[in-house]
């Protein structure tokens, strides 16, 4: 027998919630990168450096590291 209606709805809500969460993370990363923040190595942290001659200032936001999904 198939899933119950409640099970179908719960699964749909979980999938949608995860998509919304992932979109929020991606939007947040784009926002902070647009402000000049760059990822610290391969960590989950971002930092902003005030020194104009720092190597991170030469790194375009699109070239900042993203861990594999």
PDB file of N, CA and C in Angstrom:
ATOM      1  N   UNK A   1       0.833  -1.176   0.000  1.00  0.00           N
ATOM      2  CA  UNK A   1       0.000   0.000   0.000  1.00  0.00           C
ATOM      3  C   UNK A   1       0.882   1.245   0.000  1.00  0.00           C
ATOM      4  N   UNK A   2       0.393   2.368  -0.565  1.00  0.00           N
ATOM      5  CA  UNK A   2       1.172   3.599  -0.675  1.00  0.00           C
ATOM      6  C   UNK A   2       1.278   4.331   0.647  1.00  0.00           C
ATOM      7  N   UNK A   3       1.972   5.458   0.592  1.00  0.00           N
ATOM      8  CA  UNK A   3       2.120   6.291   1.785  1.00  0.00           C
ATOM      9  C   UNK A   3       0.786   6.929   2.141  1.00  0.00           C
ATOM     10  N   UNK A   4       0.657   7.292   3.368  1.00  0.00           N
ATOM     11  CA  UNK A   4      -0.543   8.006   3.797  1.00  0.00           C
ATOM     12  C   UNK A   4      -0.446   9.457   3.343  1.00  0.00           C
ATOM     13  N   UNK A   5      -1.562  10.123   3.338  1.00  0.00           N
ATOM     14  CA  UNK A   5      -1.572  11.534   2.965  1.00  0.00           C
ATOM     15  C   UNK A   5      -0.655  12.330   3.882  1.00  0.00           C
ATOM     16  N   UNK A   6      -0.709  12.041   5.172  1.00  0.00           N
ATOM     17  CA  UNK A   6       0.157  12.744   6.122  1.00  0.00           C
ATOM     18  C   UNK A   6       1.623  12.525   5.783  1.00  0.00           C
ATOM     19  N   UNK A   7       1.982  11.299   5.432  1.00  0.00           N
ATOM     20  CA  UNK A   7       3.365  11.000   5.063  1.00  0.00           C
ATOM     21  C   UNK A   7       3.789  11.748   3.815  1.00  0.00           C
ATOM     22  N   UNK A   8       2.904  11.813   2.821  1.00  0.00           N
ATOM     23  CA  UNK A   8       3.203  12.541   1.586  1.00  0.00           C
ATOM     24  C   UNK A   8       3.411  14.025   1.869  1.00  0.00           C
ATOM     25  N   UNK A   9       2.539  14.594   2.682  1.00  0.00           N
ATOM     26  CA  UNK A   9       2.636  16.017   3.008  1.00  0.00           C
ATOM     27  C   UNK A   9       3.899  16.286   3.817  1.00  0.00           C
ATOM     28  N   UNK A  10       4.191  15.443   4.783  1.00  0.00           N
ATOM     29  CA  UNK A  10       5.389  15.627   5.606  1.00  0.00           C
ATOM     30  C   UNK A  10       6.642  15.599   4.746  1.00  0.00           C
ATOM     31  N   UNK A  11       6.706  14.656   3.818  1.00  0.00           N
ATOM     32  CA  UNK A  11       7.875  14.557   2.939  1.00  0.00           C
ATOM     33  C   UNK A  11       7.985  15.807   2.072  1.00  0.00           C
ATOM     34  N   UNK A  12       6.862  16.258   1.504  1.00  0.00           N
ATOM     35  CA  UNK A  12       6.854  17.445   0.648  1.00  0.00           C
ATOM     36  C   UNK A  12       7.316  18.674   1.424  1.00  0.00           C
ATOM     37  N   UNK A  13       6.839  18.817   2.646  1.00  0.00           N
ATOM     38  CA  UNK A  13       7.226  19.955   3.485  1.00  0.00           C
ATOM     39  C   UNK A  13       8.715  19.886   3.800  1.00  0.00           C
ATOM     40  N   UNK A  14       9.227  18.705   4.115  1.00  0.00           N
ATOM     41  CA  UNK A  14      10.651  18.549   4.418  1.00  0.00           C
ATOM     42  C   UNK A  14      11.515  18.914   3.223  1.00  0.00           C
ATOM     43  N   UNK A  15      11.129  18.465   2.045  1.00  0.00           N
ATOM     44  CA  UNK A  15      11.889  18.768   0.827  1.00  0.00           C
ATOM     45  C   UNK A  15      11.875  20.270   0.559  1.00  0.00           C
ATOM     46  N   UNK A  16      10.718  20.883   0.679  1.00  0.00           N
ATOM     47  CA  UNK A  16      10.615  22.330   0.447  1.00  0.00           C
ATOM     48  C   UNK A  16      11.412  23.115   1.483  1.00  0.00           C
ATOM     49  N   UNK A  17      11.345  22.700   2.729  1.00  0.00           N
ATOM     50  CA  UNK A  17      12.085  23.389   3.789  1.00  0.00           C
ATOM     51  C   UNK A  17      13.585  23.319   3.522  1.00  0.00           C
ATOM     52  N   UNK A  18      14.068  22.180   3.071  1.00  0.00           N
ATOM     53  CA  UNK A  18      15.495  22.030   2.765  1.00  0.00           C
ATOM     54  C   UNK A  18      15.889  22.917   1.591  1.00  0.00           C
ATOM     55  N   UNK A  19      15.053  23.012   0.579  1.00  0.00           N
ATOM     56  CA  UNK A  19      15.345  23.900  -0.564  1.00  0.00           C
ATOM     57  C   UNK A  19      15.412  25.355  -0.110  1.00  0.00           C
ATOM     58  N   UNK A  20      14.487  25.748   0.746  1.00  0.00           N
ATOM     59  CA  UNK A  20      14.472  27.120   1.254  1.00  0.00           C
ATOM     60  C   UNK A  20      15.727  27.387   2.078  1.00  0.00           C
ATOM     61  N   UNK A  21      16.118  26.430   2.907  1.00  0.00           N
ATOM     62  CA  UNK A  21      17.329  26.580   3.729  1.00  0.00           C
ATOM     63  C   UNK A  21      18.558  26.735   2.848  1.00  0.00           C
ATOM     64  N   UNK A  22      18.681  25.875   1.829  1.00  0.00           N
ATOM     65  CA  UNK A  22      19.831  25.934   0.925  1.00  0.00           C
ATOM     66  C   UNK A  22      19.861  27.262   0.161  1.00  0.00           C
ATOM     67  N   UNK A  23      18.704  27.734  -0.271  1.00  0.00           N
ATOM     68  CA  UNK A  23      18.631  29.017  -0.981  1.00  0.00           C
ATOM     69  C   UNK A  23      19.061  30.154  -0.061  1.00  0.00           C
ATOM     70  N   UNK A  24      18.643  30.093   1.200  1.00  0.00           N
ATOM     71  CA  UNK A  24      19.036  31.117   2.166  1.00  0.00           C
ATOM     72  C   UNK A  24      20.534  31.144   2.392  1.00  0.00           C
ATOM     73  N   UNK A  25      21.147  29.977   2.477  1.00  0.00           N
ATOM     74  CA  UNK A  25      22.597  29.898   2.649  1.00  0.00           C
ATOM     75  C   UNK A  25      23.297  30.487   1.433  1.00  0.00           C
ATOM     76  N   UNK A  26      22.860  30.100   0.237  1.00  0.00           N
ATOM     77  CA  UNK A  26      23.476  30.604  -0.998  1.00  0.00           C
ATOM     78  C   UNK A  26      23.319  32.122  -1.105  1.00  0.00           C
ATOM     79  N   UNK A  27      22.143  32.637  -0.774  1.00  0.00           N
ATOM     80  CA  UNK A  27      21.909  34.085  -0.820  1.00  0.00           C
ATOM     81  C   UNK A  27      22.808  34.816   0.176  1.00  0.00           C
ATOM     82  N   UNK A  28      22.961  34.250   1.365  1.00  0.00           N
ATOM     83  CA  UNK A  28      23.816  34.861   2.387  1.00  0.00           C
ATOM     84  C   UNK A  28      25.268  34.902   1.933  1.00  0.00           C
ATOM     85  N   UNK A  29      25.743  33.811   1.348  1.00  0.00           N
ATOM     86  CA  UNK A  29      27.132  33.780   0.870  1.00  0.00           C
ATOM     87  C   UNK A  29      27.348  34.811  -0.239  1.00  0.00           C
ATOM     88  N   UNK A  30      26.402  34.922  -1.168  1.00  0.00           N
ATOM     89  CA  UNK A  30      26.529  35.929  -2.237  1.00  0.00           C
ATOM     90  C   UNK A  30      26.564  37.341  -1.652  1.00  0.00           C
ATOM     91  N   UNK A  31      25.721  37.602  -0.673  1.00  0.00           N
ATOM     92  CA  UNK A  31      25.666  38.923  -0.043  1.00  0.00           C
ATOM     93  C   UNK A  31      27.004  39.278   0.603  1.00  0.00           C
ATOM     94  N   UNK A  32      27.526  38.386   1.441  1.00  0.00           N
ATOM     95  CA  UNK A  32      28.777  38.687   2.132  1.00  0.00           C
ATOM     96  C   UNK A  32      29.955  38.755   1.172  1.00  0.00           C
ATOM     97  N   UNK A  33      29.954  37.932   0.149  1.00  0.00           N
ATOM     98  CA  UNK A  33      31.020  38.016  -0.853  1.00  0.00           C
ATOM     99  C   UNK A  33      30.943  39.339  -1.604  1.00  0.00           C
ATOM    100  N   UNK A  34      29.747  39.822  -1.878  1.00  0.00           N
ATOM    101  CA  UNK A  34      29.588  41.115  -2.553  1.00  0.00           C
ATOM    102  C   UNK A  34      30.151  42.251  -1.699  1.00  0.00           C
ATOM    103  N   UNK A  35      30.141  42.079  -0.385  1.00  0.00           N
ATOM    104  CA  UNK A  35      30.703  43.076   0.526  1.00  0.00           C
ATOM    105  C   UNK A  35      32.215  42.954   0.663  1.00  0.00           C
ATOM    106  N   UNK A  36      32.806  41.908   0.064  1.00  0.00           N
ATOM    107  CA  UNK A  36      34.252  41.728   0.126  1.00  0.00           C
ATOM    108  C   UNK A  36      34.715  40.633   1.067  1.00  0.00           C
ATOM    109  N   UNK A  37      33.791  39.947   1.728  1.00  0.00           N
ATOM    110  CA  UNK A  37      34.167  38.833   2.596  1.00  0.00           C
ATOM    111  C   UNK A  37      34.589  37.656   1.722  1.00  0.00           C
ATOM    112  N   UNK A  38      35.591  36.911   2.180  1.00  0.00           N
ATOM    113  CA  UNK A  38      36.043  35.723   1.469  1.00  0.00           C
ATOM    114  C   UNK A  38      36.152  34.579   2.468  1.00  0.00           C
ATOM    115  N   UNK A  39      36.028  33.358   1.947  1.00  0.00           N
ATOM    116  CA  UNK A  39      36.101  32.165   2.787  1.00  0.00           C
ATOM    117  C   UNK A  39      37.507  32.042   3.377  1.00  0.00           C
ATOM    118  N   UNK A  40      37.597  31.614   4.624  1.00  0.00           N
ATOM    119  CA  UNK A  40      38.878  31.379   5.283  1.00  0.00           C
ATOM    120  C   UNK A  40      39.295  29.954   4.948  1.00  0.00           C
ATOM    121  N   UNK A  41      40.235  29.823   4.020  1.00  0.00           N
ATOM    122  CA  UNK A  41      40.700  28.501   3.586  1.00  0.00           C
ATOM    123  C   UNK A  41      39.552  27.664   3.068  1.00  0.00           C
ATOM    124  N   UNK A  42      39.443  26.445   3.587  1.00  0.00           N
ATOM    125  CA  UNK A  42      38.351  25.553   3.190  1.00  0.00           C
ATOM    126  C   UNK A  42      37.310  25.421   4.301  1.00  0.00           C
ATOM    127  N   UNK A  43      37.371  26.335   5.281  1.00  0.00           N
ATOM    128  CA  UNK A  43      36.441  26.280   6.413  1.00  0.00           C
ATOM    129  C   UNK A  43      35.069  26.826   6.015  1.00  0.00           C
ATOM    130  N   UNK A  44      34.168  26.807   6.942  1.00  0.00           N
ATOM    131  CA  UNK A  44      32.848  27.375   6.736  1.00  0.00           C
ATOM    132  C   UNK A  44      32.775  28.840   7.151  1.00  0.00           C
ATOM    133  N   UNK A  45      33.925  29.429   7.479  1.00  0.00           N
ATOM    134  CA  UNK A  45      33.975  30.805   7.960  1.00  0.00           C
ATOM    135  C   UNK A  45      34.336  31.777   6.849  1.00  0.00           C
ATOM    136  N   UNK A  46      33.824  33.012   6.971  1.00  0.00           N
ATOM    137  CA  UNK A  46      34.160  34.091   6.057  1.00  0.00           C
ATOM    138  C   UNK A  46      34.807  35.202   6.873  1.00  0.00           C
ATOM    139  N   UNK A  47      35.697  35.948   6.237  1.00  0.00           N
ATOM    140  CA  UNK A  47      36.371  37.049   6.920  1.00  0.00           C
ATOM    141  C   UNK A  47      36.532  38.216   5.959  1.00  0.00           C
ATOM    142  N   UNK A  48      36.665  39.394   6.533  1.00  0.00           N
ATOM    143  CA  UNK A  48      36.918  40.597   5.752  1.00  0.00           C
ATOM    144  C   UNK A  48      38.211  41.198   6.263  1.00  0.00           C
ATOM    145  N   UNK A  49      39.104  41.528   5.358  1.00  0.00           N
ATOM    146  CA  UNK A  49      40.401  42.100   5.712  1.00  0.00           C
ATOM    147  C   UNK A  49      40.414  43.560   5.276  1.00  0.00           C
ATOM    148  N   UNK A  50      40.848  44.445   6.162  1.00  0.00           N
ATOM    149  CA  UNK A  50      40.858  45.871   5.826  1.00  0.00           C
ATOM    150  C   UNK A  50      42.074  46.275   4.996  1.00  0.00           C
ATOM    151  N   UNK A  51      43.155  45.508   5.046  1.00  0.00           N
ATOM    152  CA  UNK A  51      44.372  45.850   4.298  1.00  0.00           C
ATOM    153  C   UNK A  51      44.120  45.755   2.795  1.00  0.00           C
ATOM    154  N   UNK A  52      44.273  46.881   2.107  1.00  0.00           N
ATOM    155  CA  UNK A  52      43.988  46.937   0.666  1.00  0.00           C
ATOM    156  C   UNK A  52      44.915  46.050  -0.151  1.00  0.00           C
ATOM    157  N   UNK A  53      46.109  45.764   0.364  1.00  0.00           N
ATOM    158  CA  UNK A  53      47.070  44.965  -0.401  1.00  0.00           C
ATOM    159  C   UNK A  53      47.010  43.467  -0.068  1.00  0.00           C
ATOM    160  N   UNK A  54      46.028  43.049   0.722  1.00  0.00           N
ATOM    161  CA  UNK A  54      45.899  41.630   1.066  1.00  0.00           C
ATOM    162  C   UNK A  54      45.473  40.831  -0.161  1.00  0.00           C
ATOM    163  N   UNK A  55      45.979  39.608  -0.287  1.00  0.00           N
ATOM    164  CA  UNK A  55      45.700  38.753  -1.455  1.00  0.00           C
ATOM    165  C   UNK A  55      44.206  38.513  -1.663  1.00  0.00           C
ATOM    166  N   UNK A  56      43.434  38.494  -0.596  1.00  0.00           N
ATOM    167  CA  UNK A  56      41.993  38.244  -0.741  1.00  0.00           C
ATOM    168  C   UNK A  56      41.288  39.352  -1.518  1.00  0.00           C
ATOM    169  N   UNK A  57      41.870  40.546  -1.535  1.00  0.00           N
ATOM    170  CA  UNK A  57      41.264  41.668  -2.262  1.00  0.00           C
ATOM    171  C   UNK A  57      41.345  41.462  -3.776  1.00  0.00           C
ATOM    172  N   UNK A  58      42.293  40.646  -4.233  1.00  0.00           N
ATOM    173  CA  UNK A  58      42.441  40.372  -5.668  1.00  0.00           C
ATOM    174  C   UNK A  58      41.539  39.224  -6.119  1.00  0.00           C
ATOM    175  N   UNK A  59      40.934  38.529  -5.176  1.00  0.00           N
ATOM    176  CA  UNK A  59      40.099  37.367  -5.485  1.00  0.00           C
ATOM    177  C   UNK A  59      38.667  37.806  -5.765  1.00  0.00           C
ATOM    178  N   UNK A  60      38.207  37.545  -6.986  1.00  0.00           N
ATOM    179  CA  UNK A  60      36.820  37.848  -7.342  1.00  0.00           C
ATOM    180  C   UNK A  60      35.887  36.946  -6.538  1.00  0.00           C
ATOM    181  N   UNK A  61      34.710  37.433  -6.218  1.00  0.00           N
ATOM    182  CA  UNK A  61      33.738  36.648  -5.451  1.00  0.00           C
ATOM    183  C   UNK A  61      33.434  35.324  -6.137  1.00  0.00           C
ATOM    184  N   UNK A  62      33.347  35.322  -7.463  1.00  0.00           N
ATOM    185  CA  UNK A  62      33.033  34.092  -8.204  1.00  0.00           C
ATOM    186  C   UNK A  62      34.156  33.063  -8.117  1.00  0.00           C
ATOM    187  N   UNK A  63      35.370  33.513  -7.754  1.00  0.00           N
ATOM    188  CA  UNK A  63      36.515  32.611  -7.659  1.00  0.00           C
ATOM    189  C   UNK A  63      36.784  32.133  -6.238  1.00  0.00           C
ATOM    190  N   UNK A  64      36.011  32.623  -5.269  1.00  0.00           N
ATOM    191  CA  UNK A  64      36.179  32.188  -3.884  1.00  0.00           C
ATOM    192  C   UNK A  64      35.821  30.705  -3.779  1.00  0.00           C
ATOM    193  N   UNK A  65      36.510  30.004  -2.904  1.00  0.00           N
ATOM    194  CA  UNK A  65      36.335  28.551  -2.771  1.00  0.00           C
ATOM    195  C   UNK A  65      34.949  28.195  -2.242  1.00  0.00           C
ATOM    196  N   UNK A  66      34.354  27.196  -2.847  1.00  0.00           N
ATOM    197  CA  UNK A  66      33.135  26.575  -2.336  1.00  0.00           C
ATOM    198  C   UNK A  66      33.405  25.087  -2.189  1.00  0.00           C
ATOM    199  N   UNK A  67      33.122  24.530  -1.022  1.00  0.00           N
ATOM    200  CA  UNK A  67      33.346  23.090  -0.855  1.00  0.00           C
ATOM    201  C   UNK A  67      32.420  22.291  -1.771  1.00  0.00           C
ATOM    202  N   UNK A  68      32.848  21.089  -2.157  1.00  0.00           N
ATOM    203  CA  UNK A  68      31.982  20.256  -2.996  1.00  0.00           C
ATOM    204  C   UNK A  68      30.678  19.930  -2.278  1.00  0.00           C
ATOM    205  N   UNK A  69      29.633  19.834  -3.036  1.00  0.00           N
ATOM    206  CA  UNK A  69      28.312  19.542  -2.464  1.00  0.00           C
ATOM    207  C   UNK A  69      28.119  18.060  -2.312  1.00  0.00           C
TER     208      UNK A  69
END
